Amino acid sequence: MGLTGPSGIGKSVLLKALADMLPHQGDIFLGDIESQTIAAQQWRRKVALLPAESQWWCETVGEHFPMFDDVLFAHLGFQKEVLDWQVSHLSSGEKQRLACIRLLMNQPEALLLDEPTANLDHGNRAQLELLIKDYQYEHQIPVIWISHDKEQLNRVCQQLLTLNNSHYEVSLIGPEPAEEDGVLV
């Protein structure tokens, strides 16, 4: 599901609440698991948030990864040498791509993506979109993707939730479903 609306409307706050990082009212479920029935850290491993600006707490990239996954790193344009890079020398786009890898390595059961491609060039944006799509398809998980880019949301989402000051609207988007012998697939 795509999530869009004007800046400051509360899209990021909504994702943080779904990740159980902010106080909220109501119940949040992933399948039959209610967020308040398990430890917050365990919930956040299942329902993973990729914020618009990733956080880095160690000096080198490698200190943030317990192992190196050749395929995952290569998919977003990195070789093993990246583990020796200084975090302080990374561009915002490199940080975001690496943060996505770090997130996916935890094998979450739901993804909350807050403008995950905002700092990426066209090629890296396409690679990250494909990686998320492949991960979602392989693991059959829900994804909520915040973006202001309507074309991107059409590529990566099936539904769109648009927030504004007075109401919200849910609509179907993306490619038209295929029809075979009169049956939508």
Protein backbone atom coordinates (compact mmCIF):
# COMPACT_ATOMS: atom_id res chain seq x y z
CA MET A 1 0.00 0.00 0.00
CA GLY A 2 1.24 3.43 -0.87
CA LEU A 3 0.81 6.31 1.56
CA THR A 4 0.87 9.89 0.35
CA GLY A 5 -0.30 13.36 1.33
CA PRO A 6 1.12 16.79 2.05
CA SER A 7 4.22 17.21 4.19
CA GLY A 8 3.44 17.41 7.88
CA ILE A 9 0.14 15.51 7.65
CA GLY A 10 1.43 12.63 9.82
CA LYS A 11 2.56 9.91 7.41
CA SER A 12 5.84 9.25 9.21
CA VAL A 13 4.10 9.45 12.59
CA LEU A 14 1.65 6.79 11.41
CA LEU A 15 4.50 4.45 10.42
CA LYS A 16 6.25 5.01 13.76
CA ALA A 17 3.02 4.17 15.57
CA LEU A 18 2.63 1.00 13.48
CA ALA A 19 6.21 0.08 14.41
CA ASP A 20 5.19 0.64 18.05
CA MET A 21 7.75 3.42 18.42
CA LEU A 22 5.20 6.05 19.49
CA PRO A 23 2.30 5.93 21.93
CA HIS A 24 -0.95 5.21 20.10
CA GLN A 25 -4.55 4.25 20.59
CA GLY A 26 -6.06 1.17 19.03
CA ASP A 27 -4.70 -2.26 18.33
CA ILE A 28 -2.07 -3.20 15.76
CA PHE A 29 -1.94 -6.74 14.44
CA LEU A 30 0.41 -8.67 12.19
CA GLY A 31 -1.57 -11.75 11.32
CA ASP A 32 -2.87 -12.96 14.66
CA ILE A 33 -0.11 -11.29 16.72
CA GLU A 34 -1.09 -8.08 18.53
CA SER A 35 1.78 -5.63 19.01
CA GLN A 36 1.21 -5.26 22.75
CA THR A 37 1.50 -9.02 23.39
CA ILE A 38 5.21 -9.23 22.56
CA ALA A 39 8.27 -7.19 23.52
CA ALA A 40 8.72 -3.98 21.52
CA GLN A 41 12.10 -5.12 20.18
CA GLN A 42 10.56 -8.40 18.97
CA TRP A 43 7.67 -6.50 17.31
CA ARG A 44 10.11 -4.19 15.52
CA ARG A 45 12.00 -7.18 14.12
CA LYS A 46 8.71 -8.41 12.64
CA VAL A 47 7.37 -5.00 11.59
CA ALA A 48 10.46 -3.19 10.33
CA LEU A 49 10.63 0.55 9.68
CA LEU A 50 13.06 2.05 7.20
CA PRO A 51 13.03 5.76 8.10
CA ALA A 52 13.67 8.55 5.62
CA GLU A 53 17.03 9.13 7.34
CA SER A 54 18.78 5.98 8.52
CA GLN A 55 20.69 5.86 11.79
CA TRP A 56 24.32 4.74 12.07
CA TRP A 57 26.04 4.32 15.43
CA CYS A 58 29.41 2.67 14.62
CA GLU A 59 32.37 4.04 12.67
CA THR A 60 32.52 1.47 9.86
CA VAL A 61 29.82 -0.09 7.73
CA GLY A 62 30.93 -3.62 8.66
CA GLU A 63 30.24 -3.03 12.35
CA HIS A 64 26.54 -2.75 11.43
CA PHE A 65 26.35 -6.13 9.72
CA PRO A 66 26.78 -9.51 11.42
CA MET A 67 27.51 -11.13 8.02
CA PHE A 68 27.94 -10.28 4.35
CA ASP A 69 25.27 -11.43 1.89
CA ASP A 70 26.91 -11.28 -1.56
CA VAL A 71 23.63 -11.30 -3.47
CA LEU A 72 21.85 -8.70 -1.35
CA PHE A 73 24.77 -6.27 -1.30
CA ALA A 74 25.46 -6.73 -5.03
CA HIS A 75 21.81 -6.11 -5.86
CA LEU A 76 22.22 -2.56 -4.53
CA GLY A 77 25.67 -2.04 -6.05
CA PHE A 78 28.07 -2.95 -3.23
CA GLN A 79 31.03 -5.31 -3.01
CA LYS A 80 32.55 -6.76 0.17
CA GLU A 81 34.95 -3.78 0.46
CA VAL A 82 31.98 -1.67 1.60
CA LEU A 83 32.33 -3.27 5.03
CA ASP A 84 35.59 -1.32 5.53
CA TRP A 85 34.11 2.04 4.54
CA GLN A 86 33.76 4.81 7.11
CA VAL A 87 30.11 5.66 7.76
CA SER A 88 31.03 9.35 7.98
CA HIS A 89 32.16 9.23 4.32
CA LEU A 90 28.96 7.66 2.95
CA SER A 91 26.60 9.69 0.80
CA SER A 92 22.97 9.90 1.87
CA GLY A 93 22.07 7.52 -0.98
CA GLU A 94 24.69 4.96 0.09
CA LYS A 95 23.44 5.15 3.66
CA GLN A 96 19.87 4.57 2.54
CA ARG A 97 20.74 1.59 0.33
CA LEU A 98 22.83 0.04 3.09
CA ALA A 99 20.06 0.69 5.64
CA CYS A 100 17.66 -1.21 3.38
CA ILE A 101 20.07 -4.16 3.22
CA ARG A 102 20.46 -4.07 7.01
CA LEU A 103 16.69 -4.07 7.42
CA LEU A 104 16.09 -6.97 5.00
CA MET A 105 18.85 -9.07 6.57
CA ASN A 106 16.64 -9.26 9.70
CA GLN A 107 13.95 -10.91 7.52
CA PRO A 108 10.99 -8.80 8.67
CA GLU A 109 7.41 -9.99 8.22
CA ALA A 110 6.14 -6.49 7.31
CA LEU A 111 7.90 -3.43 5.87
CA LEU A 112 7.19 0.20 6.67
CA LEU A 113 9.12 2.37 4.20
CA ASP A 114 9.35 6.12 4.74
CA GLU A 115 10.46 7.61 1.41
CA PRO A 116 13.12 4.91 0.96
CA THR A 117 14.31 6.23 -2.42
CA ALA A 118 14.25 9.98 -1.77
CA ASN A 119 18.07 10.30 -1.90
CA LEU A 120 18.66 7.89 -4.78
CA ASP A 121 19.42 8.46 -8.45
CA HIS A 122 17.23 6.84 -11.09
CA GLY A 123 19.28 3.62 -11.40
CA ASN A 124 19.60 3.01 -7.68
CA ARG A 125 15.92 3.87 -7.19
CA ALA A 126 14.95 1.19 -9.71
CA GLN A 127 17.24 -1.37 -8.05
CA LEU A 128 15.82 -0.69 -4.58
CA GLU A 129 12.24 -0.84 -5.89
CA LEU A 130 13.00 -4.21 -7.50
CA LEU A 131 14.67 -5.54 -4.35
CA ILE A 132 11.66 -4.60 -2.19
CA LYS A 133 9.24 -6.05 -4.76
CA ASP A 134 11.20 -9.33 -4.90
CA TYR A 135 11.40 -9.52 -1.09
CA GLN A 136 7.67 -8.88 -0.75
CA TYR A 137 6.82 -11.49 -3.37
CA GLU A 138 9.18 -14.12 -1.93
CA HIS A 139 8.00 -13.66 1.67
CA GLN A 140 4.36 -12.67 0.94
CA ILE A 141 4.45 -9.76 3.39
CA PRO A 142 2.60 -6.46 3.67
CA VAL A 143 4.45 -3.28 2.72
CA ILE A 144 3.46 0.33 3.39
CA TRP A 145 5.47 2.74 1.22
CA ILE A 146 5.43 6.52 1.80
CA SER A 147 6.25 8.62 -1.23
CA HIS A 148 5.33 11.93 -2.84
CA ASP A 149 6.17 10.43 -6.25
CA LYS A 150 2.86 9.27 -7.78
CA GLU A 151 4.64 7.48 -10.65
CA GLN A 152 6.68 5.47 -8.16
CA LEU A 153 3.61 4.58 -6.13
CA ASN A 154 1.94 3.37 -9.34
CA ARG A 155 4.93 1.08 -9.96
CA VAL A 156 5.29 -0.38 -6.47
CA CYS A 157 1.81 -0.37 -4.92
CA GLN A 158 -1.60 -1.91 -5.48
CA GLN A 159 -3.52 0.47 -3.22
CA LEU A 160 -2.99 4.10 -2.27
CA LEU A 161 -4.01 5.79 0.96
CA THR A 162 -4.06 9.56 0.52
CA LEU A 163 -4.19 11.66 3.68
CA ASN A 164 -5.16 15.31 3.88
CA ASN A 165 -6.45 17.68 6.55
CA SER A 166 -10.12 16.79 6.34
CA HIS A 167 -10.29 13.17 5.19
CA TYR A 168 -8.48 10.20 3.74
CA GLU A 169 -9.06 8.30 0.51
CA VAL A 170 -8.17 4.72 -0.45
CA SER A 171 -7.86 3.86 -4.13
CA LEU A 172 -6.58 1.03 -6.31
CA ILE A 173 -3.50 1.93 -8.36
CA GLY A 174 -0.73 0.26 -10.30
CA PRO A 175 -0.92 -1.76 -13.46
CA GLU A 176 -4.32 -3.00 -14.57
CA PRO A 177 -4.95 -6.61 -13.53
CA ALA A 178 -4.64 -9.13 -16.33
CA GLU A 179 -7.72 -10.93 -17.55
CA GLU A 180 -7.62 -14.55 -18.71
CA ASP A 181 -10.79 -16.20 -19.98
CA GLY A 182 -12.96 -13.58 -18.28
CA VAL A 183 -11.22 -14.01 -14.88
CA LEU A 184 -9.12 -11.26 -13.32
CA VAL A 185 -5.71 -12.47 -12.15
